[in-house]
Amino acid sequence: MGLSQTLLFYVLVCVHLGVSQILRLRPSPSDHLPVPDLREDPDPEYDPREQDLAERTLRKKLGSNFDPNFMSISQPVLVNLSASDNHVKMQGPMPNEIKKLDLTETPYGKRVKVGKKARRKFLQWLWTYTHCPVVYTWKDLGVRFWPRYIKEGNCFSERSCSFPEGMSCKPVKSINKVFLRWYCQGFLRQKYCTWIQVQYPIISECKCSC
């Protein structure tokens, strides 16, 4: 399912001085990922207490949704996958739009001879040049999420992905990961807080496009 069809419904209720402020993140089109940083009420009264952060209890609440490949309880080593690493890990067959390119035709109607070896090398170079890897970085979501660290995907953006230049890498697919969100309602001493499950979309595939 494409990112344009991904539904992200967060209902974050922050209550301050008796006034309920509701922030909704609506269904996100593909160009709105990765998810922007949330505006949090800075009042520590709305943070989970130490007893609310018992790892065994939270792991049980999250269940099979805990994915150590994309989430971490403690601060991970902040190492990004480089573009070159992603190029090496290109999977699957060469895209048909590249494989079927006719290199013998010129814009002037003349035909040129291209050897099989030269054609193969050029198409491989073109595929590598236009390939759009997902570059993953660890992001701290804050104490009101558990686990608080998420490995978030971004499309490679250091240069244009087209030849000639002009196009850029954009997200085309995402996956949803389930986290726990500390949710409070009520106000002052009457407030009630608990952990609820929320879905967080992560870019999983990018493509060169206008």
Protein backbone atom coordinates (compact mmCIF):
# COMPACT_ATOMS: atom_id res chain seq x y z
CA MET A 1 0.00 0.00 0.00
CA GLY A 2 1.38 3.42 -0.99
CA LEU A 3 2.01 6.20 1.46
CA SER A 4 -0.81 8.25 -0.05
CA GLN A 5 -3.18 5.56 1.30
CA THR A 6 -1.58 5.29 4.70
CA LEU A 7 -3.89 6.35 7.50
CA LEU A 8 -2.34 7.87 10.56
CA PHE A 9 -4.78 8.82 13.31
CA TYR A 10 -3.23 10.17 16.46
CA VAL A 11 -5.46 11.73 19.07
CA LEU A 12 -3.18 13.39 21.56
CA VAL A 13 -5.00 15.02 24.43
CA CYS A 14 -3.05 17.55 26.47
CA VAL A 15 -4.99 19.16 29.29
CA HIS A 16 -3.71 22.33 30.92
CA LEU A 17 -5.61 24.50 33.43
CA GLY A 18 -8.85 22.74 32.58
CA VAL A 19 -8.63 23.38 28.84
CA SER A 20 -8.47 20.35 26.52
CA GLN A 21 -6.23 20.80 23.52
CA ILE A 22 -6.61 18.07 20.90
CA LEU A 23 -3.96 17.57 18.24
CA ARG A 24 -4.81 15.27 15.31
CA LEU A 25 -2.40 14.04 12.69
CA ARG A 26 -4.65 13.35 9.73
CA PRO A 27 -4.07 10.75 6.97
CA SER A 28 -0.64 11.63 5.63
CA PRO A 29 0.04 11.87 1.89
CA SER A 30 3.38 10.54 0.74
CA ASP A 31 5.11 13.92 0.72
CA HIS A 32 4.29 14.44 4.42
CA LEU A 33 6.56 11.69 5.67
CA PRO A 34 8.59 11.27 7.76
CA VAL A 35 6.22 12.30 10.55
CA PRO A 36 6.98 15.84 11.77
CA ASP A 37 7.91 16.41 15.40
CA LEU A 38 4.91 16.65 17.72
CA ARG A 39 4.26 19.73 19.82
CA GLU A 40 4.19 18.51 23.39
CA ASP A 41 2.92 20.23 26.53
CA PRO A 42 6.21 20.94 28.39
CA ASP A 43 4.57 20.44 31.80
CA PRO A 44 6.28 17.39 33.40
CA GLU A 45 2.97 16.63 35.13
CA TYR A 46 1.99 14.91 31.88
CA ASP A 47 5.11 12.71 31.79
CA PRO A 48 4.96 9.07 32.90
CA ARG A 49 6.35 8.41 36.38
CA GLU A 50 9.12 5.94 37.11
CA GLN A 51 6.61 3.26 38.10
CA ASP A 52 4.83 3.77 34.75
CA LEU A 53 8.01 2.82 32.87
CA ALA A 54 8.40 -0.75 34.11
CA GLU A 55 9.92 -2.53 31.12
CA ARG A 56 8.31 -5.91 31.78
CA THR A 57 4.83 -4.40 32.00
CA LEU A 58 5.28 -2.29 28.87
CA ARG A 59 6.73 -5.17 26.85
CA LYS A 60 3.69 -7.23 27.78
CA LYS A 61 1.36 -4.39 26.75
CA LEU A 62 3.12 -3.95 23.40
CA GLY A 63 3.33 -7.70 22.85
CA SER A 64 4.43 -8.96 19.44
CA ASN A 65 4.46 -5.39 18.10
CA PHE A 66 7.89 -4.86 19.65
CA ASP A 67 10.33 -4.78 16.73
CA PRO A 68 13.99 -4.40 17.79
CA ASN A 69 14.93 -3.61 14.17
CA PHE A 70 12.99 -0.34 14.31
CA MET A 71 12.66 0.53 18.00
CA SER A 72 14.95 0.72 21.01
CA ILE A 73 14.38 1.19 24.74
CA SER A 74 17.81 2.68 25.39
CA GLN A 75 19.67 5.22 23.29
CA PRO A 76 21.16 3.38 20.29
CA VAL A 77 24.47 4.08 18.60
CA LEU A 78 23.70 6.96 16.23
CA VAL A 79 25.09 5.56 13.00
CA ASN A 80 23.33 6.30 9.71
CA LEU A 81 23.38 3.97 6.74
CA SER A 82 25.31 5.72 3.99
CA ALA A 83 24.07 6.05 0.46
CA SER A 84 26.83 3.77 -0.74
CA ASP A 85 25.73 1.07 1.71
CA ASN A 86 22.22 1.29 0.34
CA HIS A 87 23.42 1.10 -3.26
CA VAL A 88 25.26 -2.11 -2.50
CA LYS A 89 22.07 -3.54 -1.00
CA MET A 90 19.93 -2.96 -4.09
CA GLN A 91 17.59 -5.92 -4.36
CA GLY A 92 15.49 -7.44 -7.11
CA PRO A 93 15.86 -7.25 -10.88
CA MET A 94 16.75 -4.12 -12.81
CA PRO A 95 13.61 -1.99 -13.42
CA ASN A 96 12.00 -2.60 -16.81
CA GLU A 97 12.05 1.09 -17.70
CA ILE A 98 15.85 0.96 -17.56
CA LYS A 99 16.30 -2.55 -18.94
CA LYS A 100 14.26 -1.75 -22.07
CA LEU A 101 16.04 1.48 -22.93
CA ASP A 102 17.03 1.61 -26.61
CA LEU A 103 20.53 3.01 -26.68
CA THR A 104 20.89 2.69 -30.44
CA GLU A 105 18.50 5.53 -31.32
CA THR A 106 19.63 9.16 -31.29
CA PRO A 107 17.47 12.30 -31.14
CA TYR A 108 18.42 12.94 -34.79
CA GLY A 109 17.04 9.70 -36.17
CA LYS A 110 20.42 8.07 -36.66
CA ARG A 111 21.27 4.73 -35.12
CA VAL A 112 24.52 3.87 -33.41
CA LYS A 113 26.07 0.57 -32.49
CA VAL A 114 26.41 -0.24 -28.80
CA GLY A 115 28.20 -3.39 -27.73
CA LYS A 116 26.58 -5.73 -25.20
CA LYS A 117 29.26 -5.10 -22.59
CA ALA A 118 29.07 -1.31 -22.97
CA ARG A 119 25.25 -1.43 -22.84
CA ARG A 120 25.29 -3.57 -19.69
CA LYS A 121 27.76 -1.27 -17.93
CA PHE A 122 25.83 1.87 -18.90
CA LEU A 123 22.49 0.46 -17.73
CA GLN A 124 24.07 -0.66 -14.46
CA TRP A 125 25.51 2.84 -13.94
CA LEU A 126 22.12 4.42 -14.76
CA TRP A 127 20.34 2.11 -12.34
CA THR A 128 22.82 2.95 -9.58
CA TYR A 129 22.58 6.68 -10.31
CA THR A 130 18.76 6.78 -10.28
CA HIS A 131 18.36 4.36 -7.37
CA CYS A 132 16.69 5.95 -4.34
CA PRO A 133 17.82 4.30 -1.10
CA VAL A 134 16.06 4.76 2.22
CA VAL A 135 18.53 6.25 4.71
CA TYR A 136 17.67 5.28 8.28
CA THR A 137 18.44 7.37 11.36
CA TRP A 138 17.50 6.90 15.00
CA LYS A 139 15.05 9.46 16.39
CA ASP A 140 14.20 10.19 20.03
CA LEU A 141 10.40 10.44 20.37
CA GLY A 142 10.62 11.52 24.01
CA VAL A 143 9.59 9.97 27.31
CA ARG A 144 5.88 9.92 26.34
CA PHE A 145 6.51 7.17 23.80
CA TRP A 146 7.63 3.62 24.52
CA PRO A 147 10.02 2.52 23.27
CA ARG A 148 11.19 6.13 22.94
CA TYR A 149 13.66 5.54 20.08
CA ILE A 150 12.54 4.79 16.53
CA LYS A 151 14.59 4.04 13.42
CA GLU A 152 13.07 6.44 10.93
CA GLY A 153 13.47 6.33 7.16
CA ASN A 154 14.25 9.26 4.88
CA CYS A 155 14.71 9.34 1.12
CA PHE A 156 18.27 10.02 -0.05
CA SER A 157 18.40 13.74 -0.94
CA GLU A 158 22.07 14.69 -1.36
CA ARG A 159 21.71 15.05 -5.13
CA SER A 160 19.21 14.74 -7.97
CA CYS A 161 18.39 11.15 -8.92
CA SER A 162 17.80 11.87 -12.62
CA PHE A 163 20.04 12.37 -15.63
CA PRO A 164 19.87 15.17 -16.60
CA GLU A 165 19.16 16.59 -13.14
CA GLY A 166 15.74 17.79 -12.01
CA MET A 167 14.01 14.86 -10.32
CA SER A 168 14.39 13.82 -6.69
CA CYS A 169 13.82 10.78 -4.47
CA LYS A 170 10.37 10.67 -2.90
CA PRO A 171 8.62 8.12 -0.65
CA VAL A 172 6.30 5.62 -2.33
CA LYS A 173 5.77 3.01 0.40
CA SER A 174 5.64 2.87 4.17
CA ILE A 175 5.25 0.38 6.97
CA ASN A 176 3.44 0.98 10.25
CA LYS A 177 5.04 0.23 13.60
CA VAL A 178 3.03 0.14 16.82
CA PHE A 179 4.32 2.11 19.82
CA LEU A 180 2.88 2.94 23.21
CA ARG A 181 1.83 6.54 23.80
CA TRP A 182 1.34 8.08 27.26
CA TYR A 183 -2.19 9.49 27.12
CA CYS A 184 -3.71 11.82 29.72
CA GLN A 185 -7.22 13.17 30.16
CA GLY A 186 -8.75 15.29 32.89
CA PHE A 187 -6.83 18.04 34.66
CA LEU A 188 -4.70 18.66 37.71
CA ARG A 189 -5.31 16.00 40.39
CA GLN A 190 -8.35 14.69 38.55
CA LYS A 191 -6.39 13.66 35.47
CA TYR A 192 -6.09 10.03 34.40
CA CYS A 193 -3.15 8.77 32.36
CA THR A 194 -2.43 5.44 30.72
CA TRP A 195 -0.47 3.86 27.87
CA ILE A 196 -2.31 3.39 24.57
CA GLN A 197 -1.15 1.81 21.30
CA VAL A 198 -0.57 4.12 18.32
CA GLN A 199 0.65 3.45 14.79
CA TYR A 200 3.73 5.25 13.50
CA PRO A 201 4.42 5.15 9.71
CA ILE A 202 8.01 4.69 8.54
CA ILE A 203 9.19 5.21 4.96
CA SER A 204 10.20 1.84 3.51
CA GLU A 205 10.71 2.60 -0.19
CA CYS A 206 11.62 5.67 -2.24
CA LYS A 207 11.45 6.32 -5.98
CA CYS A 208 12.91 8.90 -8.34
CA SER A 209 10.09 11.20 -9.44
CA CYS A 210 9.19 14.80 -10.31
